[in-house]
Amino acid sequence: PVFNAHGNRTLLGGGTSSVAVRTLMAQADEYYADMGDLMDTVGEKIADMLGVEAALVTSGCSAALTVAAAACMTGDDLEKIERIPDVSGMRNEFIIQRQLRIPYDRCMTISGGTLVEVGDVDETRAEHIEAAIGPNTAGIHYLALGDFPGFQSQSKRDRPGALPIEEVIRIAHSHDLPVIVDAAGEVYPTDRLSKYIKMGADLVAYGAKYFGAVNSSGMLTGRKDLVATARKHSFIGFESDA
């Protein structure tokens, strides 16, 4: 055992679940369930609570990012879905600002995506993103922390000049590209659980341990069509849609 003075941290086991959560988990463990029906029903309830189009429960924020990237690369094409991570013939590039790189952005590559870094040492400008958009661009990735004043000065790295999320969304949508936001721990105040979707982002990934769930739990929220496709890339899609 260790004394945790860091808060909800993945490498310390995430967080300790409440008595209420543990009790409900124990009760649920007494029964079997149709997982496809369970996941769909839970997703609908979460979406209704947050006021977003759709939601999908995942095994952590990392999994949410992985299936989000996959959804943007394949669309609803079953042949492409079955070929992942073979992305030949698919758009598989995701633009990401240099100032917003973190180790977890590699989750976007697990399903076959490629990260295209833009910006220089001092800043990222709109023209950097515009110049990187091409026939293989599948979407733009954004780290939610970049939207907070003071993030650059508080970071251990030098990250000046990241382009604001509003501008990124504007550029992406002008090229008919989706924006995927990594908002892993951005859950309090709770309006952050719908903030980025309401701003116009297409898919947003969260880690559920940050609001009292177990470590390997998370969710993907956003556009109904993209969330439905992300579902097809999960074990629920493989099993229940077979």
C-alpha atoms as a PDB file:
ATOM      1  CA  PRO A   1       0.000   0.000   0.000  1.00  0.00           C
ATOM      2  CA  VAL A   2       1.027   3.597  -0.612  1.00  0.00           C
ATOM      3  CA  PHE A   3      -0.203   6.932   0.676  1.00  0.00           C
ATOM      4  CA  ASN A   4      -1.742   8.785  -2.261  1.00  0.00           C
ATOM      5  CA  ALA A   5      -1.199  12.543  -2.133  1.00  0.00           C
ATOM      6  CA  HIS A   6      -1.615  12.906  -5.883  1.00  0.00           C
ATOM      7  CA  GLY A   7      -5.344  12.380  -6.466  1.00  0.00           C
ATOM      8  CA  ASN A   8      -6.786  10.121  -9.161  1.00  0.00           C
ATOM      9  CA  ARG A   9      -3.669   8.742 -10.823  1.00  0.00           C
ATOM     10  CA  THR A  10      -3.485   5.794 -13.204  1.00  0.00           C
ATOM     11  CA  LEU A  11      -0.192   4.471 -11.828  1.00  0.00           C
ATOM     12  CA  LEU A  12      -1.627   4.368  -8.297  1.00  0.00           C
ATOM     13  CA  GLY A  13      -4.708   2.430  -9.327  1.00  0.00           C
ATOM     14  CA  GLY A  14      -6.868   5.326 -10.433  1.00  0.00           C
ATOM     15  CA  GLY A  15      -9.125   5.960  -7.460  1.00  0.00           C
ATOM     16  CA  THR A  16     -10.875   4.013  -4.736  1.00  0.00           C
ATOM     17  CA  SER A  17     -14.522   3.441  -5.550  1.00  0.00           C
ATOM     18  CA  SER A  18     -17.211   4.487  -3.108  1.00  0.00           C
ATOM     19  CA  VAL A  19     -19.182   2.079  -0.929  1.00  0.00           C
ATOM     20  CA  ALA A  20     -22.232   2.718  -3.128  1.00  0.00           C
ATOM     21  CA  VAL A  21     -20.319   1.800  -6.289  1.00  0.00           C
ATOM     22  CA  ARG A  22     -18.808  -1.323  -4.715  1.00  0.00           C
ATOM     23  CA  THR A  23     -22.239  -2.412  -3.489  1.00  0.00           C
ATOM     24  CA  LEU A  24     -23.785  -2.022  -6.945  1.00  0.00           C
ATOM     25  CA  MET A  25     -20.872  -3.878  -8.541  1.00  0.00           C
ATOM     26  CA  ALA A  26     -21.322  -6.773  -6.123  1.00  0.00           C
ATOM     27  CA  GLN A  27     -25.051  -6.923  -6.863  1.00  0.00           C
ATOM     28  CA  ALA A  28     -24.472  -6.835 -10.629  1.00  0.00           C
ATOM     29  CA  ASP A  29     -21.896  -9.613 -10.352  1.00  0.00           C
ATOM     30  CA  GLU A  30     -24.649 -12.044  -9.318  1.00  0.00           C
ATOM     31  CA  TYR A  31     -26.203 -11.974 -12.799  1.00  0.00           C
ATOM     32  CA  TYR A  32     -25.394 -12.368 -16.462  1.00  0.00           C
ATOM     33  CA  ALA A  33     -26.469  -9.714 -18.936  1.00  0.00           C
ATOM     34  CA  ASP A  34     -26.763  -9.161 -22.667  1.00  0.00           C
ATOM     35  CA  MET A  35     -23.758  -6.856 -22.909  1.00  0.00           C
ATOM     36  CA  GLY A  36     -24.815  -5.250 -26.177  1.00  0.00           C
ATOM     37  CA  ASP A  37     -28.191  -4.299 -24.710  1.00  0.00           C
ATOM     38  CA  LEU A  38     -26.572  -3.195 -21.437  1.00  0.00           C
ATOM     39  CA  MET A  39     -23.997  -0.978 -23.149  1.00  0.00           C
ATOM     40  CA  ASP A  40     -26.586   0.590 -25.460  1.00  0.00           C
ATOM     41  CA  THR A  41     -28.990   1.314 -22.619  1.00  0.00           C
ATOM     42  CA  VAL A  42     -26.275   2.758 -20.400  1.00  0.00           C
ATOM     43  CA  GLY A  43     -24.997   4.854 -23.316  1.00  0.00           C
ATOM     44  CA  GLU A  44     -28.465   6.277 -23.904  1.00  0.00           C
ATOM     45  CA  LYS A  45     -28.867   7.154 -20.231  1.00  0.00           C
ATOM     46  CA  ILE A  46     -25.454   8.848 -20.069  1.00  0.00           C
ATOM     47  CA  ALA A  47     -26.150  10.812 -23.251  1.00  0.00           C
ATOM     48  CA  ASP A  48     -29.484  11.962 -21.825  1.00  0.00           C
ATOM     49  CA  MET A  49     -27.869  13.016 -18.533  1.00  0.00           C
ATOM     50  CA  LEU A  50     -25.171  15.012 -20.313  1.00  0.00           C
ATOM     51  CA  GLY A  51     -27.333  16.433 -23.065  1.00  0.00           C
ATOM     52  CA  VAL A  52     -25.168  14.997 -25.877  1.00  0.00           C
ATOM     53  CA  GLU A  53     -26.126  12.931 -28.919  1.00  0.00           C
ATOM     54  CA  ALA A  54     -24.510   9.653 -27.869  1.00  0.00           C
ATOM     55  CA  ALA A  55     -22.162   8.005 -25.383  1.00  0.00           C
ATOM     56  CA  LEU A  56     -20.207   4.751 -25.263  1.00  0.00           C
ATOM     57  CA  VAL A  57     -18.696   3.231 -22.121  1.00  0.00           C
ATOM     58  CA  THR A  58     -15.100   2.098 -22.687  1.00  0.00           C
ATOM     59  CA  SER A  59     -12.304   0.459 -20.715  1.00  0.00           C
ATOM     60  CA  GLY A  60     -10.622   3.764 -19.961  1.00  0.00           C
ATOM     61  CA  CYS A  61      -9.979   7.031 -21.763  1.00  0.00           C
ATOM     62  CA  SER A  62      -7.209   5.368 -23.763  1.00  0.00           C
ATOM     63  CA  ALA A  63      -9.685   2.885 -25.221  1.00  0.00           C
ATOM     64  CA  ALA A  64     -12.097   5.720 -26.003  1.00  0.00           C
ATOM     65  CA  LEU A  65      -9.391   7.486 -28.010  1.00  0.00           C
ATOM     66  CA  THR A  66      -8.472   4.279 -29.831  1.00  0.00           C
ATOM     67  CA  VAL A  67     -11.999   3.478 -31.016  1.00  0.00           C
ATOM     68  CA  ALA A  68     -12.617   7.158 -31.768  1.00  0.00           C
ATOM     69  CA  ALA A  69      -9.642   7.210 -34.123  1.00  0.00           C
ATOM     70  CA  ALA A  70     -10.770   3.955 -35.702  1.00  0.00           C
ATOM     71  CA  ALA A  71     -14.264   5.329 -36.292  1.00  0.00           C
ATOM     72  CA  CYS A  72     -12.891   8.388 -38.070  1.00  0.00           C
ATOM     73  CA  MET A  73     -10.705   6.235 -40.315  1.00  0.00           C
ATOM     74  CA  THR A  74     -13.241   3.608 -41.359  1.00  0.00           C
ATOM     75  CA  GLY A  75     -16.577   5.362 -41.198  1.00  0.00           C
ATOM     76  CA  ASP A  76     -19.455   2.887 -41.313  1.00  0.00           C
ATOM     77  CA  ASP A  77     -17.715   0.703 -43.918  1.00  0.00           C
ATOM     78  CA  LEU A  78     -17.832  -2.868 -42.546  1.00  0.00           C
ATOM     79  CA  GLU A  79     -15.026  -4.060 -44.808  1.00  0.00           C
ATOM     80  CA  LYS A  80     -12.726  -1.354 -43.451  1.00  0.00           C
ATOM     81  CA  ILE A  81     -13.855  -1.992 -39.881  1.00  0.00           C
ATOM     82  CA  GLU A  82     -12.879  -5.642 -40.211  1.00  0.00           C
ATOM     83  CA  ARG A  83      -9.441  -4.730 -41.631  1.00  0.00           C
ATOM     84  CA  ILE A  84      -8.275  -2.412 -38.828  1.00  0.00           C
ATOM     85  CA  PRO A  85      -5.361  -1.939 -38.056  1.00  0.00           C
ATOM     86  CA  ASP A  86      -4.613  -2.452 -41.763  1.00  0.00           C
ATOM     87  CA  VAL A  87      -5.421   1.062 -42.967  1.00  0.00           C
ATOM     88  CA  SER A  88      -4.353   0.721 -46.585  1.00  0.00           C
ATOM     89  CA  GLY A  89      -6.655   2.819 -48.742  1.00  0.00           C
ATOM     90  CA  MET A  90      -8.021   4.712 -45.728  1.00  0.00           C
ATOM     91  CA  ARG A  91      -7.464   8.231 -44.475  1.00  0.00           C
ATOM     92  CA  ASN A  92      -5.422   7.626 -41.342  1.00  0.00           C
ATOM     93  CA  GLU A  93      -3.612  10.862 -40.421  1.00  0.00           C
ATOM     94  CA  PHE A  94      -4.523  12.903 -37.336  1.00  0.00           C
ATOM     95  CA  ILE A  95      -3.159  16.402 -36.958  1.00  0.00           C
ATOM     96  CA  ILE A  96      -1.885  17.338 -33.508  1.00  0.00           C
ATOM     97  CA  GLN A  97      -0.254  20.511 -32.244  1.00  0.00           C
ATOM     98  CA  ARG A  98       3.338  20.298 -31.101  1.00  0.00           C
ATOM     99  CA  GLN A  99       2.516  22.076 -27.853  1.00  0.00           C
ATOM    100  CA  LEU A 100      -0.159  19.524 -26.929  1.00  0.00           C
ATOM    101  CA  ARG A 101       1.812  16.308 -27.251  1.00  0.00           C
ATOM    102  CA  ILE A 102       1.646  13.861 -24.321  1.00  0.00           C
ATOM    103  CA  PRO A 103       2.500  10.136 -24.065  1.00  0.00           C
ATOM    104  CA  TYR A 104      -1.179   9.162 -24.234  1.00  0.00           C
ATOM    105  CA  ASP A 105      -1.695  10.614 -27.692  1.00  0.00           C
ATOM    106  CA  ARG A 106      -0.196   7.353 -29.014  1.00  0.00           C
ATOM    107  CA  CYS A 107      -3.633   5.842 -28.319  1.00  0.00           C
ATOM    108  CA  MET A 108      -4.645   7.451 -31.608  1.00  0.00           C
ATOM    109  CA  THR A 109      -2.173   5.164 -33.396  1.00  0.00           C
ATOM    110  CA  ILE A 110      -3.158   1.799 -31.892  1.00  0.00           C
ATOM    111  CA  SER A 111      -5.868   1.210 -34.484  1.00  0.00           C
ATOM    112  CA  GLY A 112      -3.569   2.249 -37.338  1.00  0.00           C
ATOM    113  CA  GLY A 113      -3.603   6.026 -37.166  1.00  0.00           C
ATOM    114  CA  THR A 114      -0.603   8.273 -37.771  1.00  0.00           C
ATOM    115  CA  LEU A 115      -0.014  11.517 -35.878  1.00  0.00           C
ATOM    116  CA  VAL A 116       1.043  14.532 -37.918  1.00  0.00           C
ATOM    117  CA  GLU A 117       2.671  17.119 -35.647  1.00  0.00           C
ATOM    118  CA  VAL A 118       2.263  20.761 -36.602  1.00  0.00           C
ATOM    119  CA  GLY A 119       3.536  24.047 -35.233  1.00  0.00           C
ATOM    120  CA  ASP A 120       6.977  25.343 -34.359  1.00  0.00           C
ATOM    121  CA  VAL A 121       8.772  25.839 -31.056  1.00  0.00           C
ATOM    122  CA  ASP A 122       7.013  29.113 -30.300  1.00  0.00           C
ATOM    123  CA  GLU A 123       3.464  28.511 -31.456  1.00  0.00           C
ATOM    124  CA  THR A 124       0.969  26.812 -33.689  1.00  0.00           C
ATOM    125  CA  ARG A 125      -0.868  29.047 -36.128  1.00  0.00           C
ATOM    126  CA  ALA A 126      -3.929  28.378 -38.219  1.00  0.00           C
ATOM    127  CA  GLU A 127      -1.821  28.147 -41.371  1.00  0.00           C
ATOM    128  CA  HIS A 128       0.223  25.315 -39.847  1.00  0.00           C
ATOM    129  CA  ILE A 129      -2.917  23.218 -39.532  1.00  0.00           C
ATOM    130  CA  GLU A 130      -4.263  24.279 -42.911  1.00  0.00           C
ATOM    131  CA  ALA A 131      -0.997  23.288 -44.597  1.00  0.00           C
ATOM    132  CA  ALA A 132      -1.037  19.841 -42.983  1.00  0.00           C
ATOM    133  CA  ILE A 133      -4.552  18.949 -44.160  1.00  0.00           C
ATOM    134  CA  GLY A 134      -4.430  16.613 -47.128  1.00  0.00           C
ATOM    135  CA  PRO A 135      -6.141  13.625 -48.766  1.00  0.00           C
ATOM    136  CA  ASN A 136      -5.036  11.284 -45.953  1.00  0.00           C
ATOM    137  CA  THR A 137      -6.263  13.472 -43.078  1.00  0.00           C
ATOM    138  CA  ALA A 138      -8.858  11.649 -40.985  1.00  0.00           C
ATOM    139  CA  GLY A 139      -9.284  14.226 -38.232  1.00  0.00           C
ATOM    140  CA  ILE A 140      -7.665  16.627 -35.766  1.00  0.00           C
ATOM    141  CA  HIS A 141      -6.717  15.641 -32.228  1.00  0.00           C
ATOM    142  CA  TYR A 142      -6.851  18.139 -29.349  1.00  0.00           C
ATOM    143  CA  LEU A 143      -5.717  17.877 -25.721  1.00  0.00           C
ATOM    144  CA  ALA A 144      -8.349  19.565 -23.553  1.00  0.00           C
ATOM    145  CA  LEU A 145      -5.735  20.957 -21.163  1.00  0.00           C
ATOM    146  CA  GLY A 146      -4.579  23.244 -23.937  1.00  0.00           C
ATOM    147  CA  ASP A 147      -7.832  25.138 -23.521  1.00  0.00           C
ATOM    148  CA  PHE A 148      -6.976  26.272 -19.976  1.00  0.00           C
ATOM    149  CA  PRO A 149      -5.211  29.596 -19.245  1.00  0.00           C
ATOM    150  CA  GLY A 150      -1.872  29.012 -17.598  1.00  0.00           C
ATOM    151  CA  PHE A 151      -1.519  25.451 -18.882  1.00  0.00           C
ATOM    152  CA  GLN A 152       1.718  26.268 -20.662  1.00  0.00           C
ATOM    153  CA  SER A 153       3.354  27.892 -17.624  1.00  0.00           C
ATOM    154  CA  GLN A 154       2.229  25.072 -15.315  1.00  0.00           C
ATOM    155  CA  SER A 155       3.512  22.337 -17.595  1.00  0.00           C
ATOM    156  CA  LYS A 156       6.850  20.624 -17.092  1.00  0.00           C
ATOM    157  CA  ARG A 157       7.509  21.256 -20.763  1.00  0.00           C
ATOM    158  CA  ASP A 158       7.627  24.452 -22.748  1.00  0.00           C
ATOM    159  CA  ARG A 159       4.276  24.587 -24.561  1.00  0.00           C
ATOM    160  CA  PRO A 160       3.610  28.146 -25.617  1.00  0.00           C
ATOM    161  CA  GLY A 161       1.164  29.181 -28.240  1.00  0.00           C
ATOM    162  CA  ALA A 162      -1.232  26.282 -28.754  1.00  0.00           C
ATOM    163  CA  LEU A 163      -4.111  27.244 -31.027  1.00  0.00           C
ATOM    164  CA  PRO A 164      -7.412  27.512 -29.060  1.00  0.00           C
ATOM    165  CA  ILE A 165      -9.927  24.738 -29.481  1.00  0.00           C
ATOM    166  CA  GLU A 166     -12.545  27.057 -30.993  1.00  0.00           C
ATOM    167  CA  GLU A 167     -10.175  27.870 -33.856  1.00  0.00           C
ATOM    168  CA  VAL A 168      -9.243  24.209 -34.304  1.00  0.00           C
ATOM    169  CA  ILE A 169     -12.913  23.249 -34.560  1.00  0.00           C
ATOM    170  CA  ARG A 170     -13.548  26.020 -37.077  1.00  0.00           C
ATOM    171  CA  ILE A 171     -10.671  24.888 -39.291  1.00  0.00           C
ATOM    172  CA  ALA A 172     -11.569  21.218 -39.036  1.00  0.00           C
ATOM    173  CA  HIS A 173     -15.227  21.702 -39.902  1.00  0.00           C
ATOM    174  CA  SER A 174     -14.386  23.973 -42.815  1.00  0.00           C
ATOM    175  CA  HIS A 175     -12.646  20.915 -44.280  1.00  0.00           C
ATOM    176  CA  ASP A 176     -15.376  18.472 -43.148  1.00  0.00           C
ATOM    177  CA  LEU A 177     -13.004  16.861 -40.632  1.00  0.00           C
ATOM    178  CA  PRO A 178     -13.897  15.644 -37.126  1.00  0.00           C
ATOM    179  CA  VAL A 179     -12.198  16.887 -33.952  1.00  0.00           C
ATOM    180  CA  ILE A 180     -11.324  14.320 -31.271  1.00  0.00           C
ATOM    181  CA  VAL A 181     -10.692  15.751 -27.790  1.00  0.00           C
ATOM    182  CA  ASP A 182      -8.734  14.011 -25.048  1.00  0.00           C
ATOM    183  CA  ALA A 183     -10.502  15.352 -21.941  1.00  0.00           C
ATOM    184  CA  ALA A 184      -9.420  12.494 -19.683  1.00  0.00           C
ATOM    185  CA  GLY A 185      -9.630  14.207 -16.306  1.00  0.00           C
ATOM    186  CA  GLU A 186     -11.666  17.266 -17.233  1.00  0.00           C
ATOM    187  CA  VAL A 187     -14.812  16.246 -15.366  1.00  0.00           C
ATOM    188  CA  TYR A 188     -15.298  18.901 -12.649  1.00  0.00           C
ATOM    189  CA  PRO A 189     -17.216  21.100 -12.639  1.00  0.00           C
ATOM    190  CA  THR A 190     -19.511  18.592 -14.300  1.00  0.00           C
ATOM    191  CA  ASP A 191     -20.448  20.888 -17.167  1.00  0.00           C
ATOM    192  CA  ARG A 192     -17.055  19.929 -18.629  1.00  0.00           C
ATOM    193  CA  LEU A 193     -18.579  16.535 -19.412  1.00  0.00           C
ATOM    194  CA  SER A 194     -20.545  18.211 -22.199  1.00  0.00           C
ATOM    195  CA  LYS A 195     -18.556  21.435 -22.707  1.00  0.00           C
ATOM    196  CA  TYR A 196     -16.466  20.348 -25.686  1.00  0.00           C
ATOM    197  CA  ILE A 197     -19.345  18.731 -27.543  1.00  0.00           C
ATOM    198  CA  LYS A 198     -21.388  21.911 -27.106  1.00  0.00           C
ATOM    199  CA  MET A 199     -18.428  23.871 -28.472  1.00  0.00           C
ATOM    200  CA  GLY A 200     -18.588  21.760 -31.621  1.00  0.00           C
ATOM    201  CA  ALA A 201     -16.106  18.923 -31.040  1.00  0.00           C
ATOM    202  CA  ASP A 202     -17.210  15.673 -32.663  1.00  0.00           C
ATOM    203  CA  LEU A 203     -15.851  13.085 -30.203  1.00  0.00           C
ATOM    204  CA  VAL A 204     -14.628  13.560 -26.624  1.00  0.00           C
ATOM    205  CA  ALA A 205     -12.912  10.932 -24.461  1.00  0.00           C
ATOM    206  CA  TYR A 206     -13.020  10.851 -20.639  1.00  0.00           C
ATOM    207  CA  GLY A 207     -11.551   8.689 -17.883  1.00  0.00           C
ATOM    208  CA  ALA A 208     -14.301   7.605 -15.504  1.00  0.00           C
ATOM    209  CA  LYS A 209     -11.928   7.108 -12.564  1.00  0.00           C
ATOM    210  CA  TYR A 210     -11.867  10.889 -12.241  1.00  0.00           C
ATOM    211  CA  PHE A 211     -15.489  10.901 -11.086  1.00  0.00           C
ATOM    212  CA  GLY A 212     -15.498   7.868  -8.802  1.00  0.00           C
ATOM    213  CA  ALA A 213     -15.457   4.819 -11.086  1.00  0.00           C
ATOM    214  CA  VAL A 214     -12.798   2.110 -11.207  1.00  0.00           C
ATOM    215  CA  ASN A 215      -9.450   2.655 -12.922  1.00  0.00           C
ATOM    216  CA  SER A 216     -10.078   0.925 -16.266  1.00  0.00           C
ATOM    217  CA  SER A 217     -13.290   2.715 -17.148  1.00  0.00           C
ATOM    218  CA  GLY A 218     -14.089   5.643 -19.376  1.00  0.00           C
ATOM    219  CA  MET A 219     -16.462   6.918 -21.999  1.00  0.00           C
ATOM    220  CA  LEU A 220     -16.641   8.411 -25.438  1.00  0.00           C
ATOM    221  CA  THR A 221     -19.250  11.081 -26.150  1.00  0.00           C
ATOM    222  CA  GLY A 222     -20.241  12.919 -29.287  1.00  0.00           C
ATOM    223  CA  ARG A 223     -21.857  12.621 -32.681  1.00  0.00           C
ATOM    224  CA  LYS A 224     -24.305   9.749 -32.868  1.00  0.00           C
ATOM    225  CA  ASP A 225     -22.973   8.378 -36.151  1.00  0.00           C
ATOM    226  CA  LEU A 226     -19.347   8.387 -35.015  1.00  0.00           C
ATOM    227  CA  VAL A 227     -20.113   6.918 -31.583  1.00  0.00           C
ATOM    228  CA  ALA A 228     -22.141   4.163 -33.267  1.00  0.00           C
ATOM    229  CA  THR A 229     -19.161   3.367 -35.489  1.00  0.00           C
ATOM    230  CA  ALA A 230     -16.798   3.445 -32.498  1.00  0.00           C
ATOM    231  CA  ARG A 231     -19.085   0.861 -30.868  1.00  0.00           C
ATOM    232  CA  LYS A 232     -18.513  -1.447 -33.853  1.00  0.00           C
ATOM    233  CA  HIS A 233     -14.793  -1.339 -33.135  1.00  0.00           C
ATOM    234  CA  SER A 234     -15.313  -2.481 -29.533  1.00  0.00           C
ATOM    235  CA  PHE A 235     -15.823  -6.043 -28.316  1.00  0.00           C
ATOM    236  CA  ILE A 236     -19.549  -5.300 -28.278  1.00  0.00           C
ATOM    237  CA  GLY A 237     -19.438  -4.698 -32.010  1.00  0.00           C
ATOM    238  CA  PHE A 238     -17.358  -7.790 -32.705  1.00  0.00           C
ATOM    239  CA  GLU A 239     -19.627 -10.069 -30.695  1.00  0.00           C
ATOM    240  CA  SER A 240     -23.165  -8.745 -30.806  1.00  0.00           C
ATOM    241  CA  ASP A 241     -23.164  -7.617 -34.434  1.00  0.00           C
ATOM    242  CA  ALA A 242     -21.602 -10.815 -35.789  1.00  0.00           C
END
